[in-house]
Amino acid sequence: MKISIKGVRGSIPISGPETSLYGGNTSCVTVLEDGWILVLDGGTGIQRVTLPDISIKRIDILLTHLHFDHLQGLGFFGPLFDSSKEVHIWAPASATLDLRTRISRYLSPPLFPVLIRDLPCQLSWHEISRSYFEIGPFSITSRSVIHPGPTLGYRIRHKKAVFTYIPDHEPALGPSGLLLDKKWLSGFDLISEADLLIHDAQYTATEYLEKIGWGHSSMEDAIKLAEFAGVKRLLFTHHDPARTDSQLSGLQQDLLQTHGSGLNFEFAKEGMEIDLG
């Protein structure tokens, strides 16, 4: 199972020499195995997604939620305009509007010039919540997590390898906060014993005190959560759009000094590739 990181920034995309190391595209990650591809979120990073084999006919896009930074790049995803491609879009269910209607708020004028009905691909919609499903070689579990939403996290298994993706999450806001009771801790079932966790870490602990309820995690809380759940490797994502490369690298060194332990953690960078076997 090969994971490739295409976008790591939160809220809005940014560009410039001061962000070239970690990248400025918003959320997108791909998972590849046995000729199948999962695209996690449709932020501007989706423009960096290329199919490893042009013969691939099916692409599955798993959206964690429908905030704009997770949809900004969707209309620029090439396979949507290819009549030979079968595109499946998975996203949280809503009690009000169906998924197609909600996404059409973006994929329609005046925000976007092309209507969903005019996309040439074979397009299918899947509304999920607390779900278990299989796509090709992947076994996938979805669960609601704490973030203005509805919002999902995904646990993806291939053979013995487990990858968890929760880019927007405020675990400290749960009913037990971070008292570390696995029965109540938001996201624990998804995260437990994962080989790789990509998790929200937009704020420092000090910044978080002024952002409680905004739906995002501090770096320190992400570390505590991963350690409690027995995660083997943690990658921080949803980097604050105001954060420069030098600031992120400095925070990495500070965290290693204060939270250095057996947990392997770092800030995710665009272009990173991880092979979980």
C-alpha atoms as a PDB file:
ATOM      1  CA  MET A   1       0.000   0.000   0.000  1.00  0.00           C
ATOM      2  CA  LYS A   2       1.641   3.193  -1.229  1.00  0.00           C
ATOM      3  CA  ILE A   3       0.618   6.559   0.199  1.00  0.00           C
ATOM      4  CA  SER A   4       1.483   9.753  -1.667  1.00  0.00           C
ATOM      5  CA  ILE A   5       0.908  13.203  -0.187  1.00  0.00           C
ATOM      6  CA  LYS A   6      -0.377  15.822  -2.622  1.00  0.00           C
ATOM      7  CA  GLY A   7      -1.617  18.598  -0.324  1.00  0.00           C
ATOM      8  CA  VAL A   8      -1.012  19.429   3.348  1.00  0.00           C
ATOM      9  CA  ARG A   9      -2.229  22.972   3.876  1.00  0.00           C
ATOM     10  CA  GLY A  10      -5.376  23.940   5.769  1.00  0.00           C
ATOM     11  CA  SER A  11      -8.081  26.490   4.966  1.00  0.00           C
ATOM     12  CA  ILE A  12      -6.644  28.103   1.822  1.00  0.00           C
ATOM     13  CA  PRO A  13      -3.830  27.280  -0.631  1.00  0.00           C
ATOM     14  CA  ILE A  14      -0.724  29.437  -0.538  1.00  0.00           C
ATOM     15  CA  SER A  15       2.375  29.798  -2.691  1.00  0.00           C
ATOM     16  CA  GLY A  16       5.805  31.370  -2.632  1.00  0.00           C
ATOM     17  CA  PRO A  17       9.423  30.536  -1.841  1.00  0.00           C
ATOM     18  CA  GLU A  18       8.750  30.577   1.902  1.00  0.00           C
ATOM     19  CA  THR A  19       6.414  27.558   1.593  1.00  0.00           C
ATOM     20  CA  SER A  20       8.111  25.531  -1.147  1.00  0.00           C
ATOM     21  CA  LEU A  21       9.512  22.853   1.197  1.00  0.00           C
ATOM     22  CA  TYR A  22       6.274  21.744   2.876  1.00  0.00           C
ATOM     23  CA  GLY A  23       3.948  22.897   0.118  1.00  0.00           C
ATOM     24  CA  GLY A  24       0.936  25.137  -0.203  1.00  0.00           C
ATOM     25  CA  ASN A  25      -1.810  22.956  -1.685  1.00  0.00           C
ATOM     26  CA  THR A  26      -4.843  22.020   0.389  1.00  0.00           C
ATOM     27  CA  SER A  27      -5.749  18.503   1.464  1.00  0.00           C
ATOM     28  CA  CYS A  28      -5.224  15.531  -0.836  1.00  0.00           C
ATOM     29  CA  VAL A  29      -3.570  12.119  -0.390  1.00  0.00           C
ATOM     30  CA  THR A  30      -3.547   9.083  -2.680  1.00  0.00           C
ATOM     31  CA  VAL A  31      -3.402   5.396  -1.792  1.00  0.00           C
ATOM     32  CA  LEU A  32      -2.275   2.898  -4.448  1.00  0.00           C
ATOM     33  CA  GLU A  33      -2.266  -0.892  -4.572  1.00  0.00           C
ATOM     34  CA  ASP A  34      -2.760  -3.575  -7.225  1.00  0.00           C
ATOM     35  CA  GLY A  35      -3.910  -1.140  -9.906  1.00  0.00           C
ATOM     36  CA  TRP A  36      -6.468   0.560  -7.635  1.00  0.00           C
ATOM     37  CA  ILE A  37      -6.329   4.190  -6.506  1.00  0.00           C
ATOM     38  CA  LEU A  38      -8.039   5.995  -3.644  1.00  0.00           C
ATOM     39  CA  VAL A  39      -7.964   9.794  -3.635  1.00  0.00           C
ATOM     40  CA  LEU A  40      -8.517  11.190  -0.145  1.00  0.00           C
ATOM     41  CA  ASP A  41     -10.048  14.668  -0.313  1.00  0.00           C
ATOM     42  CA  GLY A  42     -10.251  17.037  -3.256  1.00  0.00           C
ATOM     43  CA  GLY A  43      -8.288  20.089  -2.170  1.00  0.00           C
ATOM     44  CA  THR A  44      -5.983  21.855  -4.618  1.00  0.00           C
ATOM     45  CA  GLY A  45      -3.470  19.039  -4.167  1.00  0.00           C
ATOM     46  CA  ILE A  46      -5.675  16.855  -6.383  1.00  0.00           C
ATOM     47  CA  GLN A  47      -4.198  18.632  -9.399  1.00  0.00           C
ATOM     48  CA  ARG A  48      -0.949  16.792  -8.588  1.00  0.00           C
ATOM     49  CA  VAL A  49      -2.614  13.375  -8.844  1.00  0.00           C
ATOM     50  CA  THR A  50      -1.581  11.323 -11.856  1.00  0.00           C
ATOM     51  CA  LEU A  51      -2.719   7.806 -12.632  1.00  0.00           C
ATOM     52  CA  PRO A  52       0.224   5.371 -12.432  1.00  0.00           C
ATOM     53  CA  ASP A  53      -1.283   3.386 -15.282  1.00  0.00           C
ATOM     54  CA  ILE A  54      -3.464   4.963 -17.973  1.00  0.00           C
ATOM     55  CA  SER A  55      -5.384   1.697 -18.170  1.00  0.00           C
ATOM     56  CA  ILE A  56      -6.886   2.360 -14.721  1.00  0.00           C
ATOM     57  CA  LYS A  57     -10.592   2.883 -15.338  1.00  0.00           C
ATOM     58  CA  ARG A  58     -11.949   3.373 -11.814  1.00  0.00           C
ATOM     59  CA  ILE A  59     -11.011   6.136  -9.380  1.00  0.00           C
ATOM     60  CA  ASP A  60     -12.518   6.421  -5.892  1.00  0.00           C
ATOM     61  CA  ILE A  61     -12.538   9.827  -4.184  1.00  0.00           C
ATOM     62  CA  LEU A  62     -13.120   9.666  -0.416  1.00  0.00           C
ATOM     63  CA  LEU A  63     -14.046  13.068   1.004  1.00  0.00           C
ATOM     64  CA  THR A  64     -13.720  13.576   4.747  1.00  0.00           C
ATOM     65  CA  HIS A  65     -16.188  16.474   4.621  1.00  0.00           C
ATOM     66  CA  LEU A  66     -17.388  19.215   2.317  1.00  0.00           C
ATOM     67  CA  HIS A  67     -15.579  22.301   3.556  1.00  0.00           C
ATOM     68  CA  PHE A  68     -14.194  24.280   0.654  1.00  0.00           C
ATOM     69  CA  ASP A  69     -10.518  23.512   1.298  1.00  0.00           C
ATOM     70  CA  HIS A  70     -11.352  19.830   0.700  1.00  0.00           C
ATOM     71  CA  LEU A  71     -13.209  20.539  -2.557  1.00  0.00           C
ATOM     72  CA  GLN A  72     -11.253  23.398  -4.146  1.00  0.00           C
ATOM     73  CA  GLY A  73      -9.465  21.201  -6.667  1.00  0.00           C
ATOM     74  CA  LEU A  74     -12.241  18.742  -7.464  1.00  0.00           C
ATOM     75  CA  GLY A  75     -13.420  20.498 -10.617  1.00  0.00           C
ATOM     76  CA  PHE A  76      -9.881  20.400 -12.018  1.00  0.00           C
ATOM     77  CA  PHE A  77      -9.450  16.633 -11.628  1.00  0.00           C
ATOM     78  CA  GLY A  78      -8.768  15.288 -15.111  1.00  0.00           C
ATOM     79  CA  PRO A  79     -10.619  11.941 -14.899  1.00  0.00           C
ATOM     80  CA  LEU A  80     -13.919  13.788 -14.378  1.00  0.00           C
ATOM     81  CA  PHE A  81     -13.594  14.956 -17.984  1.00  0.00           C
ATOM     82  CA  ASP A  82     -12.670  11.544 -19.417  1.00  0.00           C
ATOM     83  CA  SER A  83     -15.592   9.467 -20.694  1.00  0.00           C
ATOM     84  CA  SER A  84     -13.575   6.262 -20.276  1.00  0.00           C
ATOM     85  CA  LYS A  85     -13.203   6.766 -16.500  1.00  0.00           C
ATOM     86  CA  GLU A  86     -15.509   5.601 -13.723  1.00  0.00           C
ATOM     87  CA  VAL A  87     -15.351   7.998 -10.767  1.00  0.00           C
ATOM     88  CA  HIS A  88     -16.917   7.143  -7.402  1.00  0.00           C
ATOM     89  CA  ILE A  89     -17.308   9.919  -4.839  1.00  0.00           C
ATOM     90  CA  TRP A  90     -17.748   8.892  -1.191  1.00  0.00           C
ATOM     91  CA  ALA A  91     -18.623  11.438   1.502  1.00  0.00           C
ATOM     92  CA  PRO A  92     -20.523  11.903   4.778  1.00  0.00           C
ATOM     93  CA  ALA A  93     -24.285  11.532   4.634  1.00  0.00           C
ATOM     94  CA  SER A  94     -26.467  14.490   5.549  1.00  0.00           C
ATOM     95  CA  ALA A  95     -29.948  14.638   7.051  1.00  0.00           C
ATOM     96  CA  THR A  96     -30.912  17.472   4.721  1.00  0.00           C
ATOM     97  CA  LEU A  97     -29.540  17.304   1.165  1.00  0.00           C
ATOM     98  CA  ASP A  98     -28.161  14.419  -0.871  1.00  0.00           C
ATOM     99  CA  LEU A  99     -24.468  14.367  -1.770  1.00  0.00           C
ATOM    100  CA  ARG A 100     -24.864  15.315  -5.425  1.00  0.00           C
ATOM    101  CA  THR A 101     -26.944  18.362  -4.494  1.00  0.00           C
ATOM    102  CA  ARG A 102     -24.427  19.498  -1.894  1.00  0.00           C
ATOM    103  CA  ILE A 103     -21.429  19.203  -4.218  1.00  0.00           C
ATOM    104  CA  SER A 104     -23.349  20.867  -7.045  1.00  0.00           C
ATOM    105  CA  ARG A 105     -23.282  24.038  -4.955  1.00  0.00           C
ATOM    106  CA  TYR A 106     -19.600  24.192  -5.900  1.00  0.00           C
ATOM    107  CA  LEU A 107     -19.658  22.482  -9.303  1.00  0.00           C
ATOM    108  CA  SER A 108     -22.040  24.971 -10.889  1.00  0.00           C
ATOM    109  CA  PRO A 109     -22.055  28.637 -11.939  1.00  0.00           C
ATOM    110  CA  PRO A 110     -21.107  31.162 -10.733  1.00  0.00           C
ATOM    111  CA  LEU A 111     -18.419  29.321  -8.739  1.00  0.00           C
ATOM    112  CA  PHE A 112     -17.550  26.841 -11.501  1.00  0.00           C
ATOM    113  CA  PRO A 113     -18.406  26.924 -15.221  1.00  0.00           C
ATOM    114  CA  VAL A 114     -19.195  23.217 -15.666  1.00  0.00           C
ATOM    115  CA  LEU A 115     -22.307  21.524 -14.307  1.00  0.00           C
ATOM    116  CA  ILE A 116     -22.132  18.019 -12.831  1.00  0.00           C
ATOM    117  CA  ARG A 117     -24.554  16.778 -15.481  1.00  0.00           C
ATOM    118  CA  ASP A 118     -22.077  17.829 -18.187  1.00  0.00           C
ATOM    119  CA  LEU A 119     -19.099  15.876 -16.822  1.00  0.00           C
ATOM    120  CA  PRO A 120     -18.206  13.127 -19.335  1.00  0.00           C
ATOM    121  CA  CYS A 121     -17.064  10.508 -16.805  1.00  0.00           C
ATOM    122  CA  GLN A 122     -19.259   7.774 -15.362  1.00  0.00           C
ATOM    123  CA  LEU A 123     -19.988   9.338 -11.984  1.00  0.00           C
ATOM    124  CA  SER A 124     -21.373   7.521  -8.921  1.00  0.00           C
ATOM    125  CA  TRP A 125     -22.267   8.886  -5.473  1.00  0.00           C
ATOM    126  CA  HIS A 126     -21.950   7.110  -2.115  1.00  0.00           C
ATOM    127  CA  GLU A 127     -23.188   8.574   1.185  1.00  0.00           C
ATOM    128  CA  ILE A 128     -21.629   6.981   4.251  1.00  0.00           C
ATOM    129  CA  SER A 129     -21.412   7.489   8.011  1.00  0.00           C
ATOM    130  CA  ARG A 130     -20.415   4.774  10.479  1.00  0.00           C
ATOM    131  CA  SER A 131     -19.548   2.363   7.712  1.00  0.00           C
ATOM    132  CA  TYR A 132     -17.398  -0.541   6.615  1.00  0.00           C
ATOM    133  CA  PHE A 133     -16.877  -1.162   2.917  1.00  0.00           C
ATOM    134  CA  GLU A 134     -14.395  -2.591   0.448  1.00  0.00           C
ATOM    135  CA  ILE A 135     -12.909  -1.026  -2.665  1.00  0.00           C
ATOM    136  CA  GLY A 136     -10.716  -3.405  -4.626  1.00  0.00           C
ATOM    137  CA  PRO A 137      -7.964  -4.638  -2.277  1.00  0.00           C
ATOM    138  CA  PHE A 138      -8.779  -2.068   0.419  1.00  0.00           C
ATOM    139  CA  SER A 139     -10.931  -2.631   3.511  1.00  0.00           C
ATOM    140  CA  ILE A 140     -12.179   0.745   4.721  1.00  0.00           C
ATOM    141  CA  THR A 141     -13.765   1.858   7.980  1.00  0.00           C
ATOM    142  CA  SER A 142     -15.292   5.325   8.329  1.00  0.00           C
ATOM    143  CA  ARG A 143     -16.318   7.022  11.559  1.00  0.00           C
ATOM    144  CA  SER A 144     -17.571  10.486  12.472  1.00  0.00           C
ATOM    145  CA  VAL A 145     -14.990  12.689  14.191  1.00  0.00           C
ATOM    146  CA  ILE A 146     -15.235  16.013  16.002  1.00  0.00           C
ATOM    147  CA  HIS A 147     -15.183  18.819  13.448  1.00  0.00           C
ATOM    148  CA  PRO A 148     -17.949  21.082  12.117  1.00  0.00           C
ATOM    149  CA  GLY A 149     -19.449  18.853   9.520  1.00  0.00           C
ATOM    150  CA  PRO A 150     -20.534  16.152   9.281  1.00  0.00           C
ATOM    151  CA  THR A 151     -16.928  14.945   9.083  1.00  0.00           C
ATOM    152  CA  LEU A 152     -15.396  11.492   8.709  1.00  0.00           C
ATOM    153  CA  GLY A 153     -12.036   9.899   9.332  1.00  0.00           C
ATOM    154  CA  TYR A 154     -10.918   6.842   7.353  1.00  0.00           C
ATOM    155  CA  ARG A 155      -9.064   3.691   8.384  1.00  0.00           C
ATOM    156  CA  ILE A 156      -7.724   1.843   5.345  1.00  0.00           C
ATOM    157  CA  ARG A 157      -6.365  -1.683   5.574  1.00  0.00           C
ATOM    158  CA  HIS A 158      -4.533  -3.729   2.968  1.00  0.00           C
ATOM    159  CA  LYS A 159      -3.441  -7.146   4.212  1.00  0.00           C
ATOM    160  CA  LYS A 160      -1.728  -6.329   7.531  1.00  0.00           C
ATOM    161  CA  ALA A 161      -0.944  -2.669   6.820  1.00  0.00           C
ATOM    162  CA  VAL A 162      -3.197   0.029   8.322  1.00  0.00           C
ATOM    163  CA  PHE A 163      -3.318   3.697   7.320  1.00  0.00           C
ATOM    164  CA  THR A 164      -5.553   6.247   9.060  1.00  0.00           C
ATOM    165  CA  TYR A 165      -6.448   9.648   7.637  1.00  0.00           C
ATOM    166  CA  ILE A 166      -8.044  12.338   9.842  1.00  0.00           C
ATOM    167  CA  PRO A 167      -6.993  15.751   8.493  1.00  0.00           C
ATOM    168  CA  ASP A 168      -9.603  17.823  10.367  1.00  0.00           C
ATOM    169  CA  HIS A 169     -10.236  16.830  13.986  1.00  0.00           C
ATOM    170  CA  GLU A 170     -10.503  18.390  17.438  1.00  0.00           C
ATOM    171  CA  PRO A 171     -10.124  15.443  19.834  1.00  0.00           C
ATOM    172  CA  ALA A 172      -9.757  17.652  22.910  1.00  0.00           C
ATOM    173  CA  LEU A 173     -13.332  18.901  22.431  1.00  0.00           C
ATOM    174  CA  GLY A 174     -14.890  15.458  22.969  1.00  0.00           C
ATOM    175  CA  PRO A 175     -16.945  14.387  26.002  1.00  0.00           C
ATOM    176  CA  SER A 176     -13.802  13.179  27.746  1.00  0.00           C
ATOM    177  CA  GLY A 177     -11.458  15.733  26.216  1.00  0.00           C
ATOM    178  CA  LEU A 178      -8.071  14.071  26.115  1.00  0.00           C
ATOM    179  CA  LEU A 179      -8.599  12.144  29.343  1.00  0.00           C
ATOM    180  CA  LEU A 180      -7.669   9.146  27.220  1.00  0.00           C
ATOM    181  CA  ASP A 181     -10.665   6.910  27.737  1.00  0.00           C
ATOM    182  CA  LYS A 182     -10.816   4.904  24.527  1.00  0.00           C
ATOM    183  CA  LYS A 183     -14.555   4.288  24.893  1.00  0.00           C
ATOM    184  CA  TRP A 184     -15.262   7.987  24.369  1.00  0.00           C
ATOM    185  CA  LEU A 185     -12.207   9.389  22.620  1.00  0.00           C
ATOM    186  CA  SER A 186     -13.079  10.728  19.172  1.00  0.00           C
ATOM    187  CA  GLY A 187     -11.304   8.792  16.437  1.00  0.00           C
ATOM    188  CA  PHE A 188      -9.795   6.103  18.661  1.00  0.00           C
ATOM    189  CA  ASP A 189     -11.302   3.167  16.734  1.00  0.00           C
ATOM    190  CA  LEU A 190      -9.810   4.523  13.525  1.00  0.00           C
ATOM    191  CA  ILE A 191      -6.399   5.310  14.954  1.00  0.00           C
ATOM    192  CA  SER A 192      -5.696   2.294  17.170  1.00  0.00           C
ATOM    193  CA  GLU A 193      -2.429   0.527  16.277  1.00  0.00           C
ATOM    194  CA  ALA A 194      -2.208   2.213  12.857  1.00  0.00           C
ATOM    195  CA  ASP A 195       1.062   1.874  10.983  1.00  0.00           C
ATOM    196  CA  LEU A 196       0.638   5.429   9.689  1.00  0.00           C
ATOM    197  CA  LEU A 197      -1.614   8.224  10.922  1.00  0.00           C
ATOM    198  CA  ILE A 198      -2.016  11.499   9.038  1.00  0.00           C
ATOM    199  CA  HIS A 199      -3.695  13.843  11.513  1.00  0.00           C
ATOM    200  CA  ASP A 200      -4.667  17.465  11.940  1.00  0.00           C
ATOM    201  CA  ALA A 201      -2.080  19.558  13.814  1.00  0.00           C
ATOM    202  CA  GLN A 202      -2.824  23.125  12.804  1.00  0.00           C
ATOM    203  CA  TYR A 203      -2.055  24.818  16.112  1.00  0.00           C
ATOM    204  CA  THR A 204       0.526  24.944  18.842  1.00  0.00           C
ATOM    205  CA  ALA A 205      -0.791  24.288  22.353  1.00  0.00           C
ATOM    206  CA  THR A 206      -0.764  28.027  23.071  1.00  0.00           C
ATOM    207  CA  GLU A 207      -2.590  28.894  19.845  1.00  0.00           C
ATOM    208  CA  TYR A 208      -5.209  26.234  20.519  1.00  0.00           C
ATOM    209  CA  LEU A 209      -6.326  27.981  23.717  1.00  0.00           C
ATOM    210  CA  GLU A 210      -7.674  30.799  21.545  1.00  0.00           C
ATOM    211  CA  LYS A 211      -9.166  28.450  18.914  1.00  0.00           C
ATOM    212  CA  ILE A 212     -11.163  26.011  21.045  1.00  0.00           C
ATOM    213  CA  GLY A 213     -14.212  24.887  19.113  1.00  0.00           C
ATOM    214  CA  TRP A 214     -12.775  25.716  15.692  1.00  0.00           C
ATOM    215  CA  GLY A 215     -12.511  22.017  14.859  1.00  0.00           C
ATOM    216  CA  HIS A 216      -8.743  21.549  14.768  1.00  0.00           C
ATOM    217  CA  SER A 217      -6.038  19.938  16.880  1.00  0.00           C
ATOM    218  CA  SER A 218      -2.859  21.146  18.465  1.00  0.00           C
ATOM    219  CA  MET A 219       0.373  19.377  17.603  1.00  0.00           C
ATOM    220  CA  GLU A 220       0.764  18.321  21.223  1.00  0.00           C
ATOM    221  CA  ASP A 221      -2.716  16.774  21.336  1.00  0.00           C
ATOM    222  CA  ALA A 222      -2.052  14.909  18.091  1.00  0.00           C
ATOM    223  CA  ILE A 223       1.093  13.406  19.635  1.00  0.00           C
ATOM    224  CA  LYS A 224      -0.709  12.465  22.848  1.00  0.00           C
ATOM    225  CA  LEU A 225      -3.551  10.855  20.893  1.00  0.00           C
ATOM    226  CA  ALA A 226      -1.191   8.878  18.658  1.00  0.00           C
ATOM    227  CA  GLU A 227       0.892   7.651  21.587  1.00  0.00           C
ATOM    228  CA  PHE A 228      -2.189   6.532  23.500  1.00  0.00           C
ATOM    229  CA  ALA A 229      -3.541   4.661  20.475  1.00  0.00           C
ATOM    230  CA  GLY A 230      -0.270   2.853  19.751  1.00  0.00           C
ATOM    231  CA  VAL A 231       0.367   4.512  16.384  1.00  0.00           C
ATOM    232  CA  LYS A 232       3.710   3.652  14.802  1.00  0.00           C
ATOM    233  CA  ARG A 233       4.203   6.792  12.693  1.00  0.00           C
ATOM    234  CA  LEU A 234       2.449  10.170  12.804  1.00  0.00           C
ATOM    235  CA  LEU A 235       2.435  12.823  10.091  1.00  0.00           C
ATOM    236  CA  PHE A 236       1.026  16.254  10.927  1.00  0.00           C
ATOM    237  CA  THR A 237      -1.194  17.856   8.294  1.00  0.00           C
ATOM    238  CA  HIS A 238      -3.576  20.798   7.802  1.00  0.00           C
ATOM    239  CA  HIS A 239      -0.689  23.212   8.305  1.00  0.00           C
ATOM    240  CA  ASP A 240      -1.804  26.737   9.122  1.00  0.00           C
ATOM    241  CA  PRO A 241      -1.726  28.815   5.913  1.00  0.00           C
ATOM    242  CA  ALA A 242       0.290  31.520   7.671  1.00  0.00           C
ATOM    243  CA  ARG A 243       3.059  29.081   8.645  1.00  0.00           C
ATOM    244  CA  THR A 244       6.322  29.279   6.680  1.00  0.00           C
ATOM    245  CA  ASP A 245       8.799  26.480   6.017  1.00  0.00           C
ATOM    246  CA  SER A 246      11.236  27.844   8.583  1.00  0.00           C
ATOM    247  CA  GLN A 247       8.501  28.057  11.203  1.00  0.00           C
ATOM    248  CA  LEU A 248       7.360  24.476  10.581  1.00  0.00           C
ATOM    249  CA  SER A 249      10.940  23.205  10.746  1.00  0.00           C
ATOM    250  CA  GLY A 250      11.482  25.136  13.968  1.00  0.00           C
ATOM    251  CA  LEU A 251       8.340  23.662  15.493  1.00  0.00           C
ATOM    252  CA  GLN A 252       9.536  20.200  14.514  1.00  0.00           C
ATOM    253  CA  GLN A 253      12.757  20.696  16.474  1.00  0.00           C
ATOM    254  CA  ASP A 254      10.911  22.139  19.472  1.00  0.00           C
ATOM    255  CA  LEU A 255       8.495  19.201  19.562  1.00  0.00           C
ATOM    256  CA  LEU A 256      11.315  16.674  19.320  1.00  0.00           C
ATOM    257  CA  GLN A 257      12.950  18.270  22.359  1.00  0.00           C
ATOM    258  CA  THR A 258       9.779  18.385  24.449  1.00  0.00           C
ATOM    259  CA  HIS A 259       7.942  15.271  23.225  1.00  0.00           C
ATOM    260  CA  GLY A 260      10.737  13.054  21.951  1.00  0.00           C
ATOM    261  CA  SER A 261       9.790   9.454  22.576  1.00  0.00           C
ATOM    262  CA  GLY A 262       9.340   6.188  20.754  1.00  0.00           C
ATOM    263  CA  LEU A 263       6.773   7.800  18.461  1.00  0.00           C
ATOM    264  CA  ASN A 264       8.022   8.758  15.009  1.00  0.00           C
ATOM    265  CA  PHE A 265       6.407  12.094  14.092  1.00  0.00           C
ATOM    266  CA  GLU A 266       7.009  14.914  11.622  1.00  0.00           C
ATOM    267  CA  PHE A 267       5.236  17.520   9.529  1.00  0.00           C
ATOM    268  CA  ALA A 268       3.970  16.122   6.238  1.00  0.00           C
ATOM    269  CA  LYS A 269       5.391  17.547   3.025  1.00  0.00           C
ATOM    270  CA  GLU A 270       3.905  17.588  -0.439  1.00  0.00           C
ATOM    271  CA  GLY A 271       5.538  14.875  -2.510  1.00  0.00           C
ATOM    272  CA  MET A 272       6.238  12.531   0.404  1.00  0.00           C
ATOM    273  CA  GLU A 273       5.684   8.870  -0.408  1.00  0.00           C
ATOM    274  CA  ILE A 274       5.313   6.084   2.147  1.00  0.00           C
ATOM    275  CA  ASP A 275       5.219   2.395   1.280  1.00  0.00           C
ATOM    276  CA  LEU A 276       3.497   0.352   3.980  1.00  0.00           C
ATOM    277  CA  GLY A 277       4.053  -2.904   2.136  1.00  0.00           C
END
